[in-house]
Amino acid sequence: MSAEESFFDCRSCFCSALRRAGRAVTQHYEAAFRGAGLRATQFTVLATLAQTEPMTMSELAELLGLERTTLTRNLRPLEAKGWVRGLSDDEDLRRRRIELTPQGRAIAVKAMPRWRRAQASVAPVLARFGVRLTEAKV
């Protein structure tokens, strides 16, 4: 087997396929949010905080599946716009709790129709990568 042939199995690499699919889905949602003044990742943070009580950076990072440093980078523009704010934690002053502001909630509510359109139309994007979506029945 040649050196090139030994890499043929990599053509079906799950990691690579999921990364490509993830980028395609992100681009799909980014296109939906274009003109709304926020990115898909920012909407995700706002929507998550809209559903929760204020939470620590660690809790929010875990819930979003992000590293804390990535979350910190994502929160900076949201804080600068006044959409989220950090509060000191009464139990441990070294920790910050992140809270959605009324302005942040208003932006998230305004962007919700864009998210709904992206959500309703993402299946064909994923189908290009062999992923089929089904709605969960609860």
N, C-alpha and C. Protein backbone atom coordinates (compact mmCIF):
# COMPACT_ATOMS: atom_id res chain seq x y z
N MET A 1 0.86 -1.18 0.00
CA MET A 1 0.00 0.00 0.00
C MET A 1 0.90 1.24 0.00
N SER A 2 0.59 2.18 -0.89
CA SER A 2 1.39 3.40 -0.97
C SER A 2 1.02 4.34 0.18
N ALA A 3 1.86 5.32 0.38
CA ALA A 3 1.61 6.31 1.44
C ALA A 3 0.27 7.02 1.20
N GLU A 4 -0.02 7.34 -0.07
CA GLU A 4 -1.28 8.02 -0.39
C GLU A 4 -2.48 7.12 -0.10
N GLU A 5 -2.36 5.83 -0.46
CA GLU A 5 -3.46 4.89 -0.24
C GLU A 5 -3.76 4.68 1.23
N SER A 6 -2.76 4.81 2.06
CA SER A 6 -2.99 4.60 3.49
C SER A 6 -3.89 5.67 4.09
N PHE A 7 -4.09 6.77 3.36
CA PHE A 7 -4.96 7.85 3.85
C PHE A 7 -6.35 7.81 3.23
N PHE A 8 -6.65 6.84 2.37
CA PHE A 8 -7.96 6.77 1.72
C PHE A 8 -9.09 6.67 2.74
N ASP A 9 -8.88 5.99 3.84
CA ASP A 9 -9.92 5.87 4.87
C ASP A 9 -10.30 7.24 5.45
N CYS A 10 -9.40 8.19 5.37
CA CYS A 10 -9.68 9.52 5.91
C CYS A 10 -10.77 10.25 5.13
N ARG A 11 -11.09 9.76 3.95
CA ARG A 11 -12.16 10.39 3.16
C ARG A 11 -13.50 10.30 3.87
N SER A 12 -13.65 9.33 4.75
CA SER A 12 -14.92 9.18 5.48
C SER A 12 -14.75 9.54 6.96
N CYS A 13 -13.84 10.45 7.24
CA CYS A 13 -13.56 10.88 8.62
C CYS A 13 -14.77 11.61 9.21
N PHE A 14 -15.30 11.09 10.30
CA PHE A 14 -16.45 11.71 10.95
C PHE A 14 -16.12 13.10 11.46
N CYS A 15 -14.95 13.28 12.01
CA CYS A 15 -14.55 14.58 12.55
C CYS A 15 -14.56 15.63 11.45
N SER A 16 -13.95 15.32 10.33
CA SER A 16 -13.90 16.26 9.21
C SER A 16 -15.29 16.55 8.67
N ALA A 17 -16.10 15.52 8.51
CA ALA A 17 -17.45 15.70 7.99
C ALA A 17 -18.30 16.57 8.92
N LEU A 18 -18.18 16.35 10.22
CA LEU A 18 -18.95 17.15 11.17
C LEU A 18 -18.49 18.59 11.19
N ARG A 19 -17.19 18.81 11.04
CA ARG A 19 -16.67 20.18 11.00
C ARG A 19 -17.20 20.91 9.76
N ARG A 20 -17.19 20.23 8.59
CA ARG A 20 -17.73 20.85 7.37
C ARG A 20 -19.22 21.14 7.53
N ALA A 21 -19.96 20.18 8.08
CA ALA A 21 -21.40 20.39 8.29
C ALA A 21 -21.64 21.54 9.26
N GLY A 22 -20.85 21.60 10.31
CA GLY A 22 -20.99 22.69 11.29
C GLY A 22 -20.75 24.06 10.66
N ARG A 23 -19.73 24.14 9.80
CA ARG A 23 -19.46 25.42 9.12
C ARG A 23 -20.62 25.78 8.19
N ALA A 24 -21.16 24.80 7.49
CA ALA A 24 -22.28 25.07 6.57
C ALA A 24 -23.51 25.54 7.35
N VAL A 25 -23.79 24.92 8.47
CA VAL A 25 -24.94 25.32 9.29
C VAL A 25 -24.72 26.72 9.85
N THR A 26 -23.52 26.99 10.32
CA THR A 26 -23.21 28.34 10.84
C THR A 26 -23.40 29.38 9.75
N GLN A 27 -22.92 29.11 8.54
CA GLN A 27 -23.09 30.05 7.43
C GLN A 27 -24.57 30.27 7.12
N HIS A 28 -25.36 29.20 7.22
CA HIS A 28 -26.81 29.29 6.98
C HIS A 28 -27.46 30.25 7.99
N TYR A 29 -27.14 30.06 9.26
CA TYR A 29 -27.72 30.93 10.30
C TYR A 29 -27.16 32.35 10.20
N GLU A 30 -25.88 32.49 9.89
CA GLU A 30 -25.29 33.82 9.73
C GLU A 30 -26.01 34.59 8.63
N ALA A 31 -26.32 33.92 7.53
CA ALA A 31 -27.04 34.57 6.44
C ALA A 31 -28.41 35.04 6.91
N ALA A 32 -29.07 34.26 7.74
CA ALA A 32 -30.39 34.63 8.26
C ALA A 32 -30.31 35.85 9.16
N PHE A 33 -29.23 35.99 9.91
CA PHE A 33 -29.09 37.12 10.84
C PHE A 33 -28.48 38.36 10.20
N ARG A 34 -28.01 38.24 8.95
CA ARG A 34 -27.42 39.39 8.28
C ARG A 34 -28.41 40.54 8.27
N GLY A 35 -27.96 41.71 8.68
CA GLY A 35 -28.81 42.89 8.73
C GLY A 35 -29.52 43.07 10.06
N ALA A 36 -29.41 42.11 10.95
CA ALA A 36 -30.08 42.20 12.25
C ALA A 36 -29.18 42.82 13.32
N GLY A 37 -27.91 43.02 12.99
CA GLY A 37 -27.00 43.63 13.96
C GLY A 37 -26.40 42.66 14.95
N LEU A 38 -26.56 41.36 14.70
CA LEU A 38 -25.91 40.38 15.57
C LEU A 38 -25.58 39.13 14.77
N ARG A 39 -24.67 38.37 15.32
CA ARG A 39 -24.22 37.13 14.69
C ARG A 39 -25.00 35.97 15.28
N ALA A 40 -24.95 34.84 14.58
CA ALA A 40 -25.65 33.65 15.06
C ALA A 40 -25.14 33.23 16.43
N THR A 41 -23.84 33.31 16.63
CA THR A 41 -23.28 32.93 17.93
C THR A 41 -23.76 33.87 19.04
N GLN A 42 -23.91 35.14 18.70
CA GLN A 42 -24.41 36.10 19.69
C GLN A 42 -25.86 35.82 20.02
N PHE A 43 -26.65 35.50 19.00
CA PHE A 43 -28.05 35.16 19.25
C PHE A 43 -28.15 33.95 20.17
N THR A 44 -27.30 32.96 19.95
CA THR A 44 -27.32 31.76 20.79
C THR A 44 -27.10 32.12 22.25
N VAL A 45 -26.16 33.01 22.52
CA VAL A 45 -25.89 33.44 23.90
C VAL A 45 -27.12 34.16 24.46
N LEU A 46 -27.67 35.10 23.69
CA LEU A 46 -28.83 35.85 24.16
C LEU A 46 -30.03 34.93 24.40
N ALA A 47 -30.28 34.03 23.47
CA ALA A 47 -31.42 33.11 23.61
C ALA A 47 -31.24 32.19 24.81
N THR A 48 -30.02 31.75 25.05
CA THR A 48 -29.75 30.89 26.21
C THR A 48 -30.01 31.66 27.50
N LEU A 49 -29.50 32.88 27.57
CA LEU A 49 -29.72 33.67 28.79
C LEU A 49 -31.18 34.06 28.97
N ALA A 50 -31.93 34.18 27.86
CA ALA A 50 -33.35 34.51 27.96
C ALA A 50 -34.14 33.38 28.61
N GLN A 51 -33.58 32.17 28.59
CA GLN A 51 -34.27 31.00 29.13
C GLN A 51 -33.79 30.62 30.52
N THR A 52 -32.83 31.34 31.06
CA THR A 52 -32.22 30.93 32.32
C THR A 52 -32.14 32.11 33.29
N GLU A 53 -31.82 31.79 34.49
CA GLU A 53 -31.45 32.80 35.48
C GLU A 53 -30.02 33.23 35.17
N PRO A 54 -29.58 34.35 35.74
CA PRO A 54 -28.15 34.68 35.58
C PRO A 54 -27.31 33.49 36.03
N MET A 55 -26.23 33.24 35.31
CA MET A 55 -25.37 32.10 35.64
C MET A 55 -23.92 32.49 35.52
N THR A 56 -23.08 31.69 36.18
CA THR A 56 -21.65 31.97 36.15
C THR A 56 -21.11 31.73 34.74
N MET A 57 -19.94 32.29 34.50
CA MET A 57 -19.25 32.09 33.22
C MET A 57 -19.06 30.60 32.97
N SER A 58 -18.63 29.87 33.99
CA SER A 58 -18.39 28.43 33.83
C SER A 58 -19.67 27.70 33.47
N GLU A 59 -20.76 28.03 34.14
CA GLU A 59 -22.04 27.38 33.86
C GLU A 59 -22.51 27.68 32.44
N LEU A 60 -22.40 28.94 32.04
CA LEU A 60 -22.83 29.34 30.70
C LEU A 60 -21.94 28.69 29.63
N ALA A 61 -20.64 28.68 29.87
CA ALA A 61 -19.72 28.05 28.92
C ALA A 61 -20.06 26.57 28.74
N GLU A 62 -20.32 25.90 29.84
CA GLU A 62 -20.66 24.47 29.77
C GLU A 62 -21.97 24.26 29.02
N LEU A 63 -22.97 25.08 29.32
CA LEU A 63 -24.27 24.95 28.67
C LEU A 63 -24.15 25.18 27.16
N LEU A 64 -23.29 26.12 26.76
CA LEU A 64 -23.12 26.43 25.34
C LEU A 64 -22.11 25.52 24.65
N GLY A 65 -21.38 24.73 25.43
CA GLY A 65 -20.35 23.86 24.85
C GLY A 65 -19.13 24.63 24.37
N LEU A 66 -18.79 25.69 25.10
CA LEU A 66 -17.66 26.54 24.74
C LEU A 66 -16.59 26.51 25.81
N GLU A 67 -15.37 26.81 25.41
CA GLU A 67 -14.31 27.07 26.38
C GLU A 67 -14.60 28.43 27.01
N ARG A 68 -14.18 28.60 28.26
CA ARG A 68 -14.43 29.89 28.93
C ARG A 68 -13.79 31.05 28.17
N THR A 69 -12.60 30.84 27.62
CA THR A 69 -11.93 31.93 26.90
C THR A 69 -12.73 32.32 25.65
N THR A 70 -13.33 31.34 24.97
CA THR A 70 -14.16 31.62 23.80
C THR A 70 -15.41 32.37 24.22
N LEU A 71 -16.02 31.94 25.33
CA LEU A 71 -17.20 32.64 25.83
C LEU A 71 -16.85 34.08 26.19
N THR A 72 -15.74 34.29 26.85
CA THR A 72 -15.32 35.65 27.22
C THR A 72 -15.20 36.51 25.98
N ARG A 73 -14.58 35.98 24.94
CA ARG A 73 -14.42 36.71 23.68
C ARG A 73 -15.80 37.01 23.06
N ASN A 74 -16.73 36.07 23.15
CA ASN A 74 -18.07 36.28 22.59
C ASN A 74 -18.90 37.25 23.40
N LEU A 75 -18.64 37.33 24.70
CA LEU A 75 -19.43 38.22 25.55
C LEU A 75 -19.02 39.69 25.43
N ARG A 76 -17.75 39.95 25.11
CA ARG A 76 -17.26 41.35 25.07
C ARG A 76 -18.14 42.26 24.22
N PRO A 77 -18.43 41.91 22.96
CA PRO A 77 -19.27 42.82 22.18
C PRO A 77 -20.69 42.93 22.71
N LEU A 78 -21.20 41.86 23.29
CA LEU A 78 -22.56 41.90 23.86
C LEU A 78 -22.61 42.82 25.07
N GLU A 79 -21.57 42.78 25.89
CA GLU A 79 -21.49 43.70 27.04
C GLU A 79 -21.32 45.14 26.56
N ALA A 80 -20.48 45.35 25.54
CA ALA A 80 -20.24 46.70 25.03
C ALA A 80 -21.52 47.32 24.48
N LYS A 81 -22.41 46.50 23.92
CA LYS A 81 -23.68 46.99 23.38
C LYS A 81 -24.75 47.10 24.47
N GLY A 82 -24.44 46.63 25.67
CA GLY A 82 -25.40 46.69 26.76
C GLY A 82 -26.44 45.59 26.73
N TRP A 83 -26.17 44.49 26.00
CA TRP A 83 -27.14 43.41 25.87
C TRP A 83 -27.01 42.37 26.98
N VAL A 84 -25.84 42.25 27.57
CA VAL A 84 -25.63 41.41 28.74
C VAL A 84 -24.78 42.19 29.73
N ARG A 85 -24.82 41.75 30.97
CA ARG A 85 -23.95 42.39 31.97
C ARG A 85 -23.47 41.33 32.94
N GLY A 86 -22.31 41.60 33.49
CA GLY A 86 -21.75 40.74 34.51
C GLY A 86 -22.09 41.26 35.89
N LEU A 87 -22.51 40.37 36.75
CA LEU A 87 -22.84 40.72 38.13
C LEU A 87 -21.89 39.98 39.05
N SER A 88 -21.53 40.58 40.17
CA SER A 88 -20.71 39.82 41.12
C SER A 88 -21.57 38.78 41.80
N ASP A 89 -20.94 37.66 42.05
CA ASP A 89 -21.61 36.53 42.71
C ASP A 89 -21.53 36.76 44.21
N ASP A 90 -22.68 36.79 44.87
CA ASP A 90 -22.71 37.04 46.32
C ASP A 90 -21.97 35.97 47.10
N GLU A 91 -21.98 34.74 46.60
CA GLU A 91 -21.34 33.63 47.32
C GLU A 91 -19.83 33.62 47.13
N ASP A 92 -19.35 34.08 45.98
CA ASP A 92 -17.92 34.06 45.68
C ASP A 92 -17.61 35.25 44.79
N LEU A 93 -16.98 36.26 45.36
CA LEU A 93 -16.73 37.50 44.63
C LEU A 93 -15.76 37.32 43.46
N ARG A 94 -15.08 36.20 43.39
CA ARG A 94 -14.18 35.95 42.26
C ARG A 94 -14.96 35.53 41.02
N ARG A 95 -16.19 35.09 41.20
CA ARG A 95 -17.02 34.64 40.08
C ARG A 95 -17.94 35.76 39.62
N ARG A 96 -18.21 35.75 38.30
CA ARG A 96 -19.18 36.70 37.74
C ARG A 96 -20.37 35.92 37.22
N ARG A 97 -21.54 36.46 37.46
CA ARG A 97 -22.75 35.89 36.88
C ARG A 97 -23.11 36.76 35.67
N ILE A 98 -23.54 36.10 34.61
CA ILE A 98 -23.90 36.81 33.38
C ILE A 98 -25.42 36.88 33.30
N GLU A 99 -25.91 38.08 32.98
CA GLU A 99 -27.35 38.32 32.95
C GLU A 99 -27.72 39.03 31.64
N LEU A 100 -28.85 38.66 31.10
CA LEU A 100 -29.41 39.33 29.93
C LEU A 100 -30.05 40.64 30.39
N THR A 101 -29.77 41.73 29.68
CA THR A 101 -30.38 43.02 30.01
C THR A 101 -31.71 43.15 29.26
N PRO A 102 -32.53 44.12 29.64
CA PRO A 102 -33.76 44.36 28.87
C PRO A 102 -33.48 44.66 27.39
N GLN A 103 -32.39 45.40 27.12
CA GLN A 103 -32.02 45.69 25.72
C GLN A 103 -31.65 44.40 24.99
N GLY A 104 -30.93 43.52 25.67
CA GLY A 104 -30.54 42.25 25.08
C GLY A 104 -31.75 41.38 24.78
N ARG A 105 -32.70 41.37 25.70
CA ARG A 105 -33.94 40.61 25.49
C ARG A 105 -34.70 41.17 24.28
N ALA A 106 -34.76 42.48 24.16
CA ALA A 106 -35.46 43.11 23.03
C ALA A 106 -34.80 42.75 21.70
N ILE A 107 -33.48 42.75 21.66
CA ILE A 107 -32.75 42.37 20.44
C ILE A 107 -33.02 40.91 20.09
N ALA A 108 -33.00 40.05 21.11
CA ALA A 108 -33.25 38.62 20.88
C ALA A 108 -34.67 38.40 20.37
N VAL A 109 -35.63 39.08 20.96
CA VAL A 109 -37.03 38.95 20.52
C VAL A 109 -37.17 39.42 19.08
N LYS A 110 -36.53 40.53 18.75
CA LYS A 110 -36.60 41.07 17.39
C LYS A 110 -35.96 40.12 16.37
N ALA A 111 -34.91 39.41 16.78
CA ALA A 111 -34.20 38.50 15.88
C ALA A 111 -34.86 37.12 15.79
N MET A 112 -35.81 36.84 16.67
CA MET A 112 -36.42 35.52 16.72
C MET A 112 -37.03 35.07 15.38
N PRO A 113 -37.73 35.93 14.62
CA PRO A 113 -38.26 35.47 13.32
C PRO A 113 -37.16 35.03 12.36
N ARG A 114 -36.01 35.69 12.41
CA ARG A 114 -34.88 35.29 11.56
C ARG A 114 -34.39 33.90 11.97
N TRP A 115 -34.30 33.68 13.29
CA TRP A 115 -33.88 32.36 13.78
C TRP A 115 -34.89 31.29 13.34
N ARG A 116 -36.17 31.60 13.47
CA ARG A 116 -37.21 30.63 13.08
C ARG A 116 -37.10 30.26 11.59
N ARG A 117 -36.85 31.26 10.75
CA ARG A 117 -36.69 30.97 9.31
C ARG A 117 -35.47 30.08 9.07
N ALA A 118 -34.35 30.40 9.73
CA ALA A 118 -33.14 29.59 9.57
C ALA A 118 -33.38 28.17 10.08
N GLN A 119 -34.04 28.07 11.21
CA GLN A 119 -34.31 26.77 11.82
C GLN A 119 -35.19 25.93 10.90
N ALA A 120 -36.19 26.56 10.30
CA ALA A 120 -37.13 25.83 9.44
C ALA A 120 -36.50 25.41 8.11
N SER A 121 -35.40 26.06 7.73
CA SER A 121 -34.83 25.79 6.41
C SER A 121 -33.44 25.16 6.45
N VAL A 122 -33.01 24.68 7.59
CA VAL A 122 -31.65 24.14 7.71
C VAL A 122 -31.54 22.69 7.24
N ALA A 123 -32.63 21.95 7.18
CA ALA A 123 -32.56 20.53 6.83
C ALA A 123 -31.84 20.27 5.50
N PRO A 124 -32.10 21.02 4.44
CA PRO A 124 -31.37 20.75 3.19
C PRO A 124 -29.86 20.99 3.31
N VAL A 125 -29.48 21.93 4.13
CA VAL A 125 -28.05 22.18 4.35
C VAL A 125 -27.41 20.94 4.95
N LEU A 126 -28.03 20.39 5.97
CA LEU A 126 -27.51 19.19 6.62
C LEU A 126 -27.60 17.97 5.72
N ALA A 127 -28.63 17.91 4.89
CA ALA A 127 -28.79 16.75 4.00
C ALA A 127 -27.61 16.61 3.05
N ARG A 128 -26.98 17.74 2.69
CA ARG A 128 -25.78 17.67 1.83
C ARG A 128 -24.67 16.87 2.48
N PHE A 129 -24.74 16.74 3.79
CA PHE A 129 -23.72 16.00 4.54
C PHE A 129 -24.25 14.67 5.05
N GLY A 130 -25.41 14.27 4.56
CA GLY A 130 -25.97 12.99 4.94
C GLY A 130 -26.64 12.99 6.31
N VAL A 131 -26.99 14.16 6.81
CA VAL A 131 -27.64 14.25 8.11
C VAL A 131 -29.12 14.54 7.88
N ARG A 132 -29.98 13.72 8.49
CA ARG A 132 -31.42 13.92 8.39
C ARG A 132 -31.94 14.37 9.74
N LEU A 133 -32.78 15.38 9.72
CA LEU A 133 -33.38 15.87 10.96
C LEU A 133 -34.79 15.33 11.10
N THR A 134 -35.14 14.97 12.33
CA THR A 134 -36.51 14.62 12.64
C THR A 134 -36.88 15.38 13.89
N GLU A 135 -38.13 15.79 13.97
CA GLU A 135 -38.58 16.50 15.16
C GLU A 135 -38.84 15.51 16.27
N ALA A 136 -38.38 15.86 17.44
CA ALA A 136 -38.62 15.02 18.62
C ALA A 136 -40.05 15.22 19.08
N LYS A 137 -40.70 14.13 19.38
CA LYS A 137 -42.06 14.20 19.93
C LYS A 137 -41.93 13.99 21.43
N VAL A 138 -42.44 14.96 22.17
CA VAL A 138 -42.35 14.89 23.64
C VAL A 138 -43.67 14.48 24.22
